[in-house]
Amino acid sequence: MKRGMRPPHPGSMIKDILEGIKEETGDALTIRQVAKGLGTTPKTLSNILNEHQGISSEMAIRLSEAFGSNPDFWLKLQRDFELWHAEKKVNRSNIEHFWPVAKHGLQPA
């Protein structure tokens, strides 16, 4: 992953979607309403919206069903967010190189 701009957290995407719903319909959904609709707690949803918690595969399925997307979209957001932060933390110069996997044809499908 490139070390450019910080990728969005899934919570910020959910906020954008909820703001879009409000602009389009005039209805502001509460955290309680959205949490209930997703089958989770308001606390969990609040933690995700405030970027204090990531999303699980199960939550990705719930979000994709609720917002007409697919789970891969949500999981990619989460993965990119986590990987961007990990790239900033991990000191690669201290890691020993054992075997170049790509050279031996062991790439993911």
PDB file of N, CA and C in Angstrom:
ATOM      1  N   MET A   1       0.843  -1.178   0.000  1.00  0.00           N
ATOM      2  CA  MET A   1       0.000   0.000   0.000  1.00  0.00           C
ATOM      3  C   MET A   1       0.885   1.236   0.000  1.00  0.00           C
ATOM      4  N   LYS A   2       0.481   2.213  -0.773  1.00  0.00           N
ATOM      5  CA  LYS A   2       1.230   3.462  -0.819  1.00  0.00           C
ATOM      6  C   LYS A   2       0.982   4.253   0.451  1.00  0.00           C
ATOM      7  N   ARG A   3       1.982   5.027   0.833  1.00  0.00           N
ATOM      8  CA  ARG A   3       1.910   5.758   2.099  1.00  0.00           C
ATOM      9  C   ARG A   3       1.343   7.154   1.919  1.00  0.00           C
ATOM     10  N   GLY A   4       0.536   7.374   0.931  1.00  0.00           N
ATOM     11  CA  GLY A   4      -0.021   8.687   0.658  1.00  0.00           C
ATOM     12  C   GLY A   4      -1.059   9.103   1.683  1.00  0.00           C
ATOM     13  N   MET A   5      -2.169   9.559   1.172  1.00  0.00           N
ATOM     14  CA  MET A   5      -3.236  10.056   2.040  1.00  0.00           C
ATOM     15  C   MET A   5      -3.840   8.932   2.877  1.00  0.00           C
ATOM     16  N   ARG A   6      -4.291   9.304   4.048  1.00  0.00           N
ATOM     17  CA  ARG A   6      -4.931   8.351   4.961  1.00  0.00           C
ATOM     18  C   ARG A   6      -6.250   7.877   4.344  1.00  0.00           C
ATOM     19  N   PRO A   7      -6.426   6.559   4.206  1.00  0.00           N
ATOM     20  CA  PRO A   7      -7.690   6.047   3.674  1.00  0.00           C
ATOM     21  C   PRO A   7      -8.825   6.293   4.666  1.00  0.00           C
ATOM     22  N   PRO A   8     -10.047   6.365   4.167  1.00  0.00           N
ATOM     23  CA  PRO A   8     -11.172   6.584   5.079  1.00  0.00           C
ATOM     24  C   PRO A   8     -11.459   5.349   5.926  1.00  0.00           C
ATOM     25  N   HIS A   9     -11.870   5.590   7.139  1.00  0.00           N
ATOM     26  CA  HIS A   9     -12.343   4.530   8.027  1.00  0.00           C
ATOM     27  C   HIS A   9     -13.778   4.205   7.608  1.00  0.00           C
ATOM     28  N   PRO A  10     -14.217   2.961   7.747  1.00  0.00           N
ATOM     29  CA  PRO A  10     -15.606   2.645   7.410  1.00  0.00           C
ATOM     30  C   PRO A  10     -16.614   3.533   8.138  1.00  0.00           C
ATOM     31  N   GLY A  11     -16.282   3.947   9.359  1.00  0.00           N
ATOM     32  CA  GLY A  11     -17.185   4.824  10.107  1.00  0.00           C
ATOM     33  C   GLY A  11     -17.426   6.151   9.419  1.00  0.00           C
ATOM     34  N   SER A  12     -16.392   6.710   8.801  1.00  0.00           N
ATOM     35  CA  SER A  12     -16.581   7.986   8.100  1.00  0.00           C
ATOM     36  C   SER A  12     -17.442   7.787   6.863  1.00  0.00           C
ATOM     37  N   MET A  13     -17.339   6.619   6.229  1.00  0.00           N
ATOM     38  CA  MET A  13     -18.186   6.325   5.073  1.00  0.00           C
ATOM     39  C   MET A  13     -19.643   6.182   5.501  1.00  0.00           C
ATOM     40  N   ILE A  14     -19.873   5.526   6.629  1.00  0.00           N
ATOM     41  CA  ILE A  14     -21.240   5.392   7.143  1.00  0.00           C
ATOM     42  C   ILE A  14     -21.811   6.774   7.445  1.00  0.00           C
ATOM     43  N   LYS A  15     -21.011   7.635   8.071  1.00  0.00           N
ATOM     44  CA  LYS A  15     -21.466   9.003   8.352  1.00  0.00           C
ATOM     45  C   LYS A  15     -21.858   9.719   7.067  1.00  0.00           C
ATOM     46  N   ASP A  16     -21.026   9.592   6.031  1.00  0.00           N
ATOM     47  CA  ASP A  16     -21.329  10.233   4.748  1.00  0.00           C
ATOM     48  C   ASP A  16     -22.643   9.720   4.169  1.00  0.00           C
ATOM     49  N   ILE A  17     -22.860   8.419   4.265  1.00  0.00           N
ATOM     50  CA  ILE A  17     -24.103   7.832   3.754  1.00  0.00           C
ATOM     51  C   ILE A  17     -25.299   8.363   4.532  1.00  0.00           C
ATOM     52  N   LEU A  18     -25.175   8.418   5.854  1.00  0.00           N
ATOM     53  CA  LEU A  18     -26.286   8.910   6.676  1.00  0.00           C
ATOM     54  C   LEU A  18     -26.570  10.381   6.403  1.00  0.00           C
ATOM     55  N   GLU A  19     -25.519  11.163   6.158  1.00  0.00           N
ATOM     56  CA  GLU A  19     -25.719  12.572   5.791  1.00  0.00           C
ATOM     57  C   GLU A  19     -26.407  12.677   4.438  1.00  0.00           C
ATOM     58  N   GLY A  20     -26.041  11.798   3.505  1.00  0.00           N
ATOM     59  CA  GLY A  20     -26.688  11.779   2.194  1.00  0.00           C
ATOM     60  C   GLY A  20     -28.165  11.441   2.296  1.00  0.00           C
ATOM     61  N   ILE A  21     -28.497  10.493   3.164  1.00  0.00           N
ATOM     62  CA  ILE A  21     -29.901  10.136   3.388  1.00  0.00           C
ATOM     63  C   ILE A  21     -30.659  11.336   3.933  1.00  0.00           C
ATOM     64  N   LYS A  22     -30.044  12.045   4.879  1.00  0.00           N
ATOM     65  CA  LYS A  22     -30.692  13.219   5.470  1.00  0.00           C
ATOM     66  C   LYS A  22     -30.920  14.299   4.415  1.00  0.00           C
ATOM     67  N   GLU A  23     -29.909  14.556   3.584  1.00  0.00           N
ATOM     68  CA  GLU A  23     -30.045  15.577   2.540  1.00  0.00           C
ATOM     69  C   GLU A  23     -31.115  15.200   1.528  1.00  0.00           C
ATOM     70  N   GLU A  24     -31.174  13.928   1.176  1.00  0.00           N
ATOM     71  CA  GLU A  24     -32.104  13.481   0.144  1.00  0.00           C
ATOM     72  C   GLU A  24     -33.541  13.371   0.641  1.00  0.00           C
ATOM     73  N   THR A  25     -33.704  12.915   1.882  1.00  0.00           N
ATOM     74  CA  THR A  25     -35.052  12.659   2.388  1.00  0.00           C
ATOM     75  C   THR A  25     -35.527  13.685   3.411  1.00  0.00           C
ATOM     76  N   GLY A  26     -34.590  14.400   4.011  1.00  0.00           N
ATOM     77  CA  GLY A  26     -34.940  15.321   5.086  1.00  0.00           C
ATOM     78  C   GLY A  26     -35.039  14.632   6.435  1.00  0.00           C
ATOM     79  N   ASP A  27     -34.869  13.317   6.448  1.00  0.00           N
ATOM     80  CA  ASP A  27     -34.945  12.547   7.691  1.00  0.00           C
ATOM     81  C   ASP A  27     -33.552  12.259   8.230  1.00  0.00           C
ATOM     82  N   ALA A  28     -33.327  12.651   9.479  1.00  0.00           N
ATOM     83  CA  ALA A  28     -32.060  12.338  10.141  1.00  0.00           C
ATOM     84  C   ALA A  28     -32.266  11.080  10.975  1.00  0.00           C
ATOM     85  N   LEU A  29     -31.595  10.012  10.591  1.00  0.00           N
ATOM     86  CA  LEU A  29     -31.691   8.772  11.354  1.00  0.00           C
ATOM     87  C   LEU A  29     -30.837   8.879  12.614  1.00  0.00           C
ATOM     88  N   THR A  30     -31.343   8.367  13.716  1.00  0.00           N
ATOM     89  CA  THR A  30     -30.573   8.378  14.961  1.00  0.00           C
ATOM     90  C   THR A  30     -29.643   7.163  14.997  1.00  0.00           C
ATOM     91  N   ILE A  31     -28.639   7.251  15.847  1.00  0.00           N
ATOM     92  CA  ILE A  31     -27.736   6.112  16.023  1.00  0.00           C
ATOM     93  C   ILE A  31     -28.528   4.901  16.505  1.00  0.00           C
ATOM     94  N   ARG A  32     -29.472   5.139  17.364  1.00  0.00           N
ATOM     95  CA  ARG A  32     -30.303   4.041  17.879  1.00  0.00           C
ATOM     96  C   ARG A  32     -31.079   3.365  16.743  1.00  0.00           C
ATOM     97  N   GLN A  33     -31.670   4.160  15.846  1.00  0.00           N
ATOM     98  CA  GLN A  33     -32.422   3.595  14.716  1.00  0.00           C
ATOM     99  C   GLN A  33     -31.519   2.773  13.793  1.00  0.00           C
ATOM    100  N   VAL A  34     -30.378   3.334  13.469  1.00  0.00           N
ATOM    101  CA  VAL A  34     -29.464   2.652  12.547  1.00  0.00           C
ATOM    102  C   VAL A  34     -28.904   1.392  13.200  1.00  0.00           C
ATOM    103  N   ALA A  35     -28.526   1.488  14.470  1.00  0.00           N
ATOM    104  CA  ALA A  35     -27.998   0.320  15.180  1.00  0.00           C
ATOM    105  C   ALA A  35     -29.035  -0.801  15.207  1.00  0.00           C
ATOM    106  N   LYS A  36     -30.274  -0.444  15.515  1.00  0.00           N
ATOM    107  CA  LYS A  36     -31.338  -1.446  15.550  1.00  0.00           C
ATOM    108  C   LYS A  36     -31.514  -2.078  14.176  1.00  0.00           C
ATOM    109  N   GLY A  37     -31.505  -1.252  13.137  1.00  0.00           N
ATOM    110  CA  GLY A  37     -31.649  -1.760  11.775  1.00  0.00           C
ATOM    111  C   GLY A  37     -30.511  -2.667  11.349  1.00  0.00           C
ATOM    112  N   LEU A  38     -29.328  -2.424  11.893  1.00  0.00           N
ATOM    113  CA  LEU A  38     -28.162  -3.255  11.576  1.00  0.00           C
ATOM    114  C   LEU A  38     -28.061  -4.488  12.475  1.00  0.00           C
ATOM    115  N   GLY A  39     -28.862  -4.506  13.543  1.00  0.00           N
ATOM    116  CA  GLY A  39     -28.793  -5.626  14.478  1.00  0.00           C
ATOM    117  C   GLY A  39     -27.594  -5.548  15.402  1.00  0.00           C
ATOM    118  N   THR A  40     -27.239  -4.329  15.781  1.00  0.00           N
ATOM    119  CA  THR A  40     -26.118  -4.128  16.698  1.00  0.00           C
ATOM    120  C   THR A  40     -26.538  -3.146  17.782  1.00  0.00           C
ATOM    121  N   THR A  41     -25.633  -2.821  18.676  1.00  0.00           N
ATOM    122  CA  THR A  41     -25.953  -1.886  19.750  1.00  0.00           C
ATOM    123  C   THR A  41     -25.577  -0.462  19.343  1.00  0.00           C
ATOM    124  N   PRO A  42     -26.251   0.525  19.929  1.00  0.00           N
ATOM    125  CA  PRO A  42     -25.858   1.913  19.666  1.00  0.00           C
ATOM    126  C   PRO A  42     -24.401   2.175  20.048  1.00  0.00           C
ATOM    127  N   LYS A  43     -23.926   1.537  21.120  1.00  0.00           N
ATOM    128  CA  LYS A  43     -22.539   1.734  21.543  1.00  0.00           C
ATOM    129  C   LYS A  43     -21.568   1.239  20.474  1.00  0.00           C
ATOM    130  N   THR A  44     -21.821   0.060  19.938  1.00  0.00           N
ATOM    131  CA  THR A  44     -20.949  -0.477  18.888  1.00  0.00           C
ATOM    132  C   THR A  44     -20.958   0.430  17.674  1.00  0.00           C
ATOM    133  N   LEU A  45     -22.135   0.844  17.235  1.00  0.00           N
ATOM    134  CA  LEU A  45     -22.222   1.722  16.068  1.00  0.00           C
ATOM    135  C   LEU A  45     -21.526   3.046  16.332  1.00  0.00           C
ATOM    136  N   SER A  46     -21.719   3.605  17.511  1.00  0.00           N
ATOM    137  CA  SER A  46     -21.059   4.864  17.864  1.00  0.00           C
ATOM    138  C   SER A  46     -19.541   4.713  17.822  1.00  0.00           C
ATOM    139  N   ASN A  47     -19.039   3.595  18.337  1.00  0.00           N
ATOM    140  CA  ASN A  47     -17.593   3.345  18.298  1.00  0.00           C
ATOM    141  C   ASN A  47     -17.076   3.269  16.869  1.00  0.00           C
ATOM    142  N   ILE A  48     -17.845   2.660  15.987  1.00  0.00           N
ATOM    143  CA  ILE A  48     -17.444   2.582  14.577  1.00  0.00           C
ATOM    144  C   ILE A  48     -17.493   3.970  13.946  1.00  0.00           C
ATOM    145  N   LEU A  49     -18.580   4.695  14.161  1.00  0.00           N
ATOM    146  CA  LEU A  49     -18.733   6.030  13.571  1.00  0.00           C
ATOM    147  C   LEU A  49     -17.634   6.983  14.024  1.00  0.00           C
ATOM    148  N   ASN A  50     -17.194   6.837  15.267  1.00  0.00           N
ATOM    149  CA  ASN A  50     -16.154   7.713  15.813  1.00  0.00           C
ATOM    150  C   ASN A  50     -14.745   7.152  15.627  1.00  0.00           C
ATOM    151  N   GLU A  51     -14.645   6.088  14.829  1.00  0.00           N
ATOM    152  CA  GLU A  51     -13.366   5.480  14.462  1.00  0.00           C
ATOM    153  C   GLU A  51     -12.589   4.929  15.653  1.00  0.00           C
ATOM    154  N   HIS A  52     -13.328   4.491  16.684  1.00  0.00           N
ATOM    155  CA  HIS A  52     -12.706   3.860  17.843  1.00  0.00           C
ATOM    156  C   HIS A  52     -12.706   2.346  17.699  1.00  0.00           C
ATOM    157  N   GLN A  53     -13.400   1.859  16.686  1.00  0.00           N
ATOM    158  CA  GLN A  53     -13.540   0.421  16.479  1.00  0.00           C
ATOM    159  C   GLN A  53     -13.648   0.170  14.984  1.00  0.00           C
ATOM    160  N   GLY A  54     -13.055  -0.926  14.554  1.00  0.00           N
ATOM    161  CA  GLY A  54     -13.174  -1.323  13.161  1.00  0.00           C
ATOM    162  C   GLY A  54     -14.427  -2.150  12.948  1.00  0.00           C
ATOM    163  N   ILE A  55     -14.612  -2.583  11.705  1.00  0.00           N
ATOM    164  CA  ILE A  55     -15.763  -3.433  11.413  1.00  0.00           C
ATOM    165  C   ILE A  55     -15.301  -4.873  11.211  1.00  0.00           C
ATOM    166  N   SER A  56     -16.160  -5.791  11.583  1.00  0.00           N
ATOM    167  CA  SER A  56     -15.907  -7.218  11.403  1.00  0.00           C
ATOM    168  C   SER A  56     -16.497  -7.656  10.064  1.00  0.00           C
ATOM    169  N   SER A  57     -16.218  -8.888   9.689  1.00  0.00           N
ATOM    170  CA  SER A  57     -16.821  -9.448   8.478  1.00  0.00           C
ATOM    171  C   SER A  57     -18.342  -9.475   8.604  1.00  0.00           C
ATOM    172  N   GLU A  58     -18.822  -9.807   9.794  1.00  0.00           N
ATOM    173  CA  GLU A  58     -20.268  -9.839  10.018  1.00  0.00           C
ATOM    174  C   GLU A  58     -20.884  -8.454   9.847  1.00  0.00           C
ATOM    175  N   MET A  59     -20.211  -7.439  10.380  1.00  0.00           N
ATOM    176  CA  MET A  59     -20.723  -6.078  10.229  1.00  0.00           C
ATOM    177  C   MET A  59     -20.674  -5.658   8.763  1.00  0.00           C
ATOM    178  N   ALA A  60     -19.652  -6.092   8.035  1.00  0.00           N
ATOM    179  CA  ALA A  60     -19.565  -5.774   6.606  1.00  0.00           C
ATOM    180  C   ALA A  60     -20.778  -6.331   5.865  1.00  0.00           C
ATOM    181  N   ILE A  61     -21.216  -7.520   6.237  1.00  0.00           N
ATOM    182  CA  ILE A  61     -22.408  -8.109   5.620  1.00  0.00           C
ATOM    183  C   ILE A  61     -23.638  -7.284   5.971  1.00  0.00           C
ATOM    184  N   ARG A  62     -23.754  -6.889   7.225  1.00  0.00           N
ATOM    185  CA  ARG A  62     -24.907  -6.087   7.663  1.00  0.00           C
ATOM    186  C   ARG A  62     -24.950  -4.743   6.934  1.00  0.00           C
ATOM    187  N   LEU A  63     -23.785  -4.091   6.845  1.00  0.00           N
ATOM    188  CA  LEU A  63     -23.717  -2.794   6.165  1.00  0.00           C
ATOM    189  C   LEU A  63     -24.043  -2.927   4.683  1.00  0.00           C
ATOM    190  N   SER A  64     -23.545  -3.981   4.061  1.00  0.00           N
ATOM    191  CA  SER A  64     -23.807  -4.159   2.631  1.00  0.00           C
ATOM    192  C   SER A  64     -25.289  -4.392   2.371  1.00  0.00           C
ATOM    193  N   GLU A  65     -25.931  -5.117   3.252  1.00  0.00           N
ATOM    194  CA  GLU A  65     -27.371  -5.351   3.105  1.00  0.00           C
ATOM    195  C   GLU A  65     -28.158  -4.062   3.343  1.00  0.00           C
ATOM    196  N   ALA A  66     -27.781  -3.321   4.358  1.00  0.00           N
ATOM    197  CA  ALA A  66     -28.502  -2.093   4.715  1.00  0.00           C
ATOM    198  C   ALA A  66     -28.351  -0.992   3.670  1.00  0.00           C
ATOM    199  N   PHE A  67     -27.162  -0.900   3.068  1.00  0.00           N
ATOM    200  CA  PHE A  67     -26.884   0.217   2.167  1.00  0.00           C
ATOM    201  C   PHE A  67     -26.735  -0.199   0.708  1.00  0.00           C
ATOM    202  N   GLY A  68     -27.103  -1.438   0.381  1.00  0.00           N
ATOM    203  CA  GLY A  68     -27.107  -1.866  -1.010  1.00  0.00           C
ATOM    204  C   GLY A  68     -25.736  -1.904  -1.658  1.00  0.00           C
ATOM    205  N   SER A  69     -24.756  -2.364  -0.911  1.00  0.00           N
ATOM    206  CA  SER A  69     -23.404  -2.491  -1.459  1.00  0.00           C
ATOM    207  C   SER A  69     -23.003  -3.959  -1.336  1.00  0.00           C
ATOM    208  N   ASN A  70     -21.708  -4.216  -1.199  1.00  0.00           N
ATOM    209  CA  ASN A  70     -21.283  -5.597  -0.973  1.00  0.00           C
ATOM    210  C   ASN A  70     -20.258  -5.635   0.159  1.00  0.00           C
ATOM    211  N   PRO A  71     -20.137  -6.772   0.829  1.00  0.00           N
ATOM    212  CA  PRO A  71     -19.227  -6.863   1.975  1.00  0.00           C
ATOM    213  C   PRO A  71     -17.778  -6.540   1.627  1.00  0.00           C
ATOM    214  N   ASP A  72     -17.352  -6.901   0.419  1.00  0.00           N
ATOM    215  CA  ASP A  72     -15.964  -6.632   0.025  1.00  0.00           C
ATOM    216  C   ASP A  72     -15.645  -5.145   0.053  1.00  0.00           C
ATOM    217  N   PHE A  73     -16.605  -4.320  -0.323  1.00  0.00           N
ATOM    218  CA  PHE A  73     -16.415  -2.866  -0.286  1.00  0.00           C
ATOM    219  C   PHE A  73     -16.052  -2.426   1.126  1.00  0.00           C
ATOM    220  N   TRP A  74     -16.819  -2.892   2.113  1.00  0.00           N
ATOM    221  CA  TRP A  74     -16.610  -2.488   3.502  1.00  0.00           C
ATOM    222  C   TRP A  74     -15.325  -3.073   4.071  1.00  0.00           C
ATOM    223  N   LEU A  75     -15.050  -4.332   3.736  1.00  0.00           N
ATOM    224  CA  LEU A  75     -13.825  -4.962   4.241  1.00  0.00           C
ATOM    225  C   LEU A  75     -12.576  -4.335   3.630  1.00  0.00           C
ATOM    226  N   LYS A  76     -12.664  -3.904   2.372  1.00  0.00           N
ATOM    227  CA  LYS A  76     -11.525  -3.228   1.748  1.00  0.00           C
ATOM    228  C   LYS A  76     -11.262  -1.891   2.438  1.00  0.00           C
ATOM    229  N   LEU A  77     -12.320  -1.165   2.775  1.00  0.00           N
ATOM    230  CA  LEU A  77     -12.138   0.082   3.521  1.00  0.00           C
ATOM    231  C   LEU A  77     -11.398  -0.184   4.827  1.00  0.00           C
ATOM    232  N   GLN A  78     -11.842  -1.209   5.563  1.00  0.00           N
ATOM    233  CA  GLN A  78     -11.231  -1.529   6.854  1.00  0.00           C
ATOM    234  C   GLN A  78      -9.785  -1.962   6.674  1.00  0.00           C
ATOM    235  N   ARG A  79      -9.556  -2.844   5.697  1.00  0.00           N
ATOM    236  CA  ARG A  79      -8.196  -3.339   5.455  1.00  0.00           C
ATOM    237  C   ARG A  79      -7.250  -2.208   5.075  1.00  0.00           C
ATOM    238  N   ASP A  80      -7.684  -1.340   4.158  1.00  0.00           N
ATOM    239  CA  ASP A  80      -6.831  -0.233   3.722  1.00  0.00           C
ATOM    240  C   ASP A  80      -6.514   0.710   4.879  1.00  0.00           C
ATOM    241  N   PHE A  81      -7.504   0.967   5.721  1.00  0.00           N
ATOM    242  CA  PHE A  81      -7.316   1.832   6.880  1.00  0.00           C
ATOM    243  C   PHE A  81      -6.283   1.228   7.838  1.00  0.00           C
ATOM    244  N   GLU A  82      -6.446  -0.050   8.152  1.00  0.00           N
ATOM    245  CA  GLU A  82      -5.527  -0.716   9.081  1.00  0.00           C
ATOM    246  C   GLU A  82      -4.126  -0.831   8.499  1.00  0.00           C
ATOM    247  N   LEU A  83      -4.033  -1.171   7.218  1.00  0.00           N
ATOM    248  CA  LEU A  83      -2.727  -1.334   6.591  1.00  0.00           C
ATOM    249  C   LEU A  83      -1.974  -0.016   6.528  1.00  0.00           C
ATOM    250  N   TRP A  84      -2.670   1.067   6.251  1.00  0.00           N
ATOM    251  CA  TRP A  84      -2.041   2.387   6.194  1.00  0.00           C
ATOM    252  C   TRP A  84      -1.410   2.719   7.549  1.00  0.00           C
ATOM    253  N   HIS A  85      -2.155   2.458   8.620  1.00  0.00           N
ATOM    254  CA  HIS A  85      -1.631   2.731   9.965  1.00  0.00           C
ATOM    255  C   HIS A  85      -0.485   1.782  10.312  1.00  0.00           C
ATOM    256  N   ALA A  86      -0.591   0.528   9.930  1.00  0.00           N
ATOM    257  CA  ALA A  86       0.468  -0.442  10.220  1.00  0.00           C
ATOM    258  C   ALA A  86       1.757  -0.078   9.491  1.00  0.00           C
ATOM    259  N   GLU A  87       1.643   0.398   8.251  1.00  0.00           N
ATOM    260  CA  GLU A  87       2.830   0.793   7.481  1.00  0.00           C
ATOM    261  C   GLU A  87       3.606   1.896   8.197  1.00  0.00           C
ATOM    262  N   LYS A  88       2.912   2.729   8.921  1.00  0.00           N
ATOM    263  CA  LYS A  88       3.567   3.815   9.647  1.00  0.00           C
ATOM    264  C   LYS A  88       4.235   3.318  10.937  1.00  0.00           C
ATOM    265  N   LYS A  89       3.771   2.190  11.475  1.00  0.00           N
ATOM    266  CA  LYS A  89       4.286   1.684  12.748  1.00  0.00           C
ATOM    267  C   LYS A  89       5.432   0.688  12.593  1.00  0.00           C
ATOM    268  N   VAL A  90       5.359  -0.143  11.571  1.00  0.00           N
ATOM    269  CA  VAL A  90       6.314  -1.245  11.446  1.00  0.00           C
ATOM    270  C   VAL A  90       7.633  -0.757  10.859  1.00  0.00           C
ATOM    271  N   ASN A  91       8.721  -1.089  11.542  1.00  0.00           N
ATOM    272  CA  ASN A  91      10.061  -0.771  11.063  1.00  0.00           C
ATOM    273  C   ASN A  91      10.554  -1.972  10.258  1.00  0.00           C
ATOM    274  N   ARG A  92      10.487  -1.876   8.944  1.00  0.00           N
ATOM    275  CA  ARG A  92      10.851  -2.998   8.074  1.00  0.00           C
ATOM    276  C   ARG A  92      12.342  -3.318   8.108  1.00  0.00           C
ATOM    277  N   SER A  93      13.163  -2.358   8.488  1.00  0.00           N
ATOM    278  CA  SER A  93      14.612  -2.587   8.458  1.00  0.00           C
ATOM    279  C   SER A  93      15.062  -3.627   9.485  1.00  0.00           C
ATOM    280  N   ASN A  94      14.238  -3.911  10.478  1.00  0.00           N
ATOM    281  CA  ASN A  94      14.583  -4.897  11.508  1.00  0.00           C
ATOM    282  C   ASN A  94      14.067  -6.300  11.192  1.00  0.00           C
ATOM    283  N   ILE A  95      13.459  -6.476  10.026  1.00  0.00           N
ATOM    284  CA  ILE A  95      12.851  -7.761   9.696  1.00  0.00           C
ATOM    285  C   ILE A  95      13.796  -8.564   8.807  1.00  0.00           C
ATOM    286  N   GLU A  96      14.061  -9.792   9.222  1.00  0.00           N
ATOM    287  CA  GLU A  96      14.939 -10.675   8.451  1.00  0.00           C
ATOM    288  C   GLU A  96      14.179 -11.233   7.248  1.00  0.00           C
ATOM    289  N   HIS A  97      14.840 -11.289   6.103  1.00  0.00           N
ATOM    290  CA  HIS A  97      14.238 -11.835   4.886  1.00  0.00           C
ATOM    291  C   HIS A  97      14.596 -13.314   4.793  1.00  0.00           C
ATOM    292  N   PHE A  98      13.591 -14.172   4.651  1.00  0.00           N
ATOM    293  CA  PHE A  98      13.814 -15.609   4.610  1.00  0.00           C
ATOM    294  C   PHE A  98      13.708 -16.200   3.210  1.00  0.00           C
ATOM    295  N   TRP A  99      12.622 -15.869   2.501  1.00  0.00           N
ATOM    296  CA  TRP A  99      12.367 -16.531   1.232  1.00  0.00           C
ATOM    297  C   TRP A  99      11.431 -15.667   0.407  1.00  0.00           C
ATOM    298  N   PRO A 100      11.820 -15.293  -0.801  1.00  0.00           N
ATOM    299  CA  PRO A 100      10.951 -14.437  -1.618  1.00  0.00           C
ATOM    300  C   PRO A 100       9.776 -15.229  -2.196  1.00  0.00           C
ATOM    301  N   VAL A 101       8.646 -15.164  -1.546  1.00  0.00           N
ATOM    302  CA  VAL A 101       7.459 -15.933  -1.918  1.00  0.00           C
ATOM    303  C   VAL A 101       7.068 -15.699  -3.375  1.00  0.00           C
ATOM    304  N   ALA A 102       7.036 -14.451  -3.810  1.00  0.00           N
ATOM    305  CA  ALA A 102       6.600 -14.141  -5.172  1.00  0.00           C
ATOM    306  C   ALA A 102       7.492 -14.824  -6.206  1.00  0.00           C
ATOM    307  N   LYS A 103       8.768 -14.936  -5.928  1.00  0.00           N
ATOM    308  CA  LYS A 103       9.723 -15.565  -6.850  1.00  0.00           C
ATOM    309  C   LYS A 103       9.404 -17.042  -7.066  1.00  0.00           C
ATOM    310  N   HIS A 104       8.758 -17.655  -6.096  1.00  0.00           N
ATOM    311  CA  HIS A 104       8.462 -19.083  -6.158  1.00  0.00           C
ATOM    312  C   HIS A 104       7.006 -19.364  -6.538  1.00  0.00           C
ATOM    313  N   GLY A 105       6.339 -18.372  -7.083  1.00  0.00           N
ATOM    314  CA  GLY A 105       4.985 -18.566  -7.598  1.00  0.00           C
ATOM    315  C   GLY A 105       3.908 -18.736  -6.555  1.00  0.00           C
ATOM    316  N   LEU A 106       4.136 -18.284  -5.360  1.00  0.00           N
ATOM    317  CA  LEU A 106       3.152 -18.437  -4.284  1.00  0.00           C
ATOM    318  C   LEU A 106       2.402 -17.136  -4.049  1.00  0.00           C
ATOM    319  N   GLN A 107       1.718 -16.686  -5.055  1.00  0.00           N
ATOM    320  CA  GLN A 107       0.958 -15.443  -4.939  1.00  0.00           C
ATOM    321  C   GLN A 107      -0.507 -15.767  -4.696  1.00  0.00           C
ATOM    322  N   PRO A 108      -1.213 -14.907  -3.976  1.00  0.00           N
ATOM    323  CA  PRO A 108      -2.645 -15.140  -3.760  1.00  0.00           C
ATOM    324  C   PRO A 108      -3.405 -15.074  -5.077  1.00  0.00           C
ATOM    325  N   ALA A 109      -4.485 -15.801  -5.136  1.00  0.00           N
ATOM    326  CA  ALA A 109      -5.307 -15.850  -6.359  1.00  0.00           C
ATOM    327  C   ALA A 109      -5.986 -14.540  -6.631  1.00  0.00           C
TER     328      ALA A 109
END
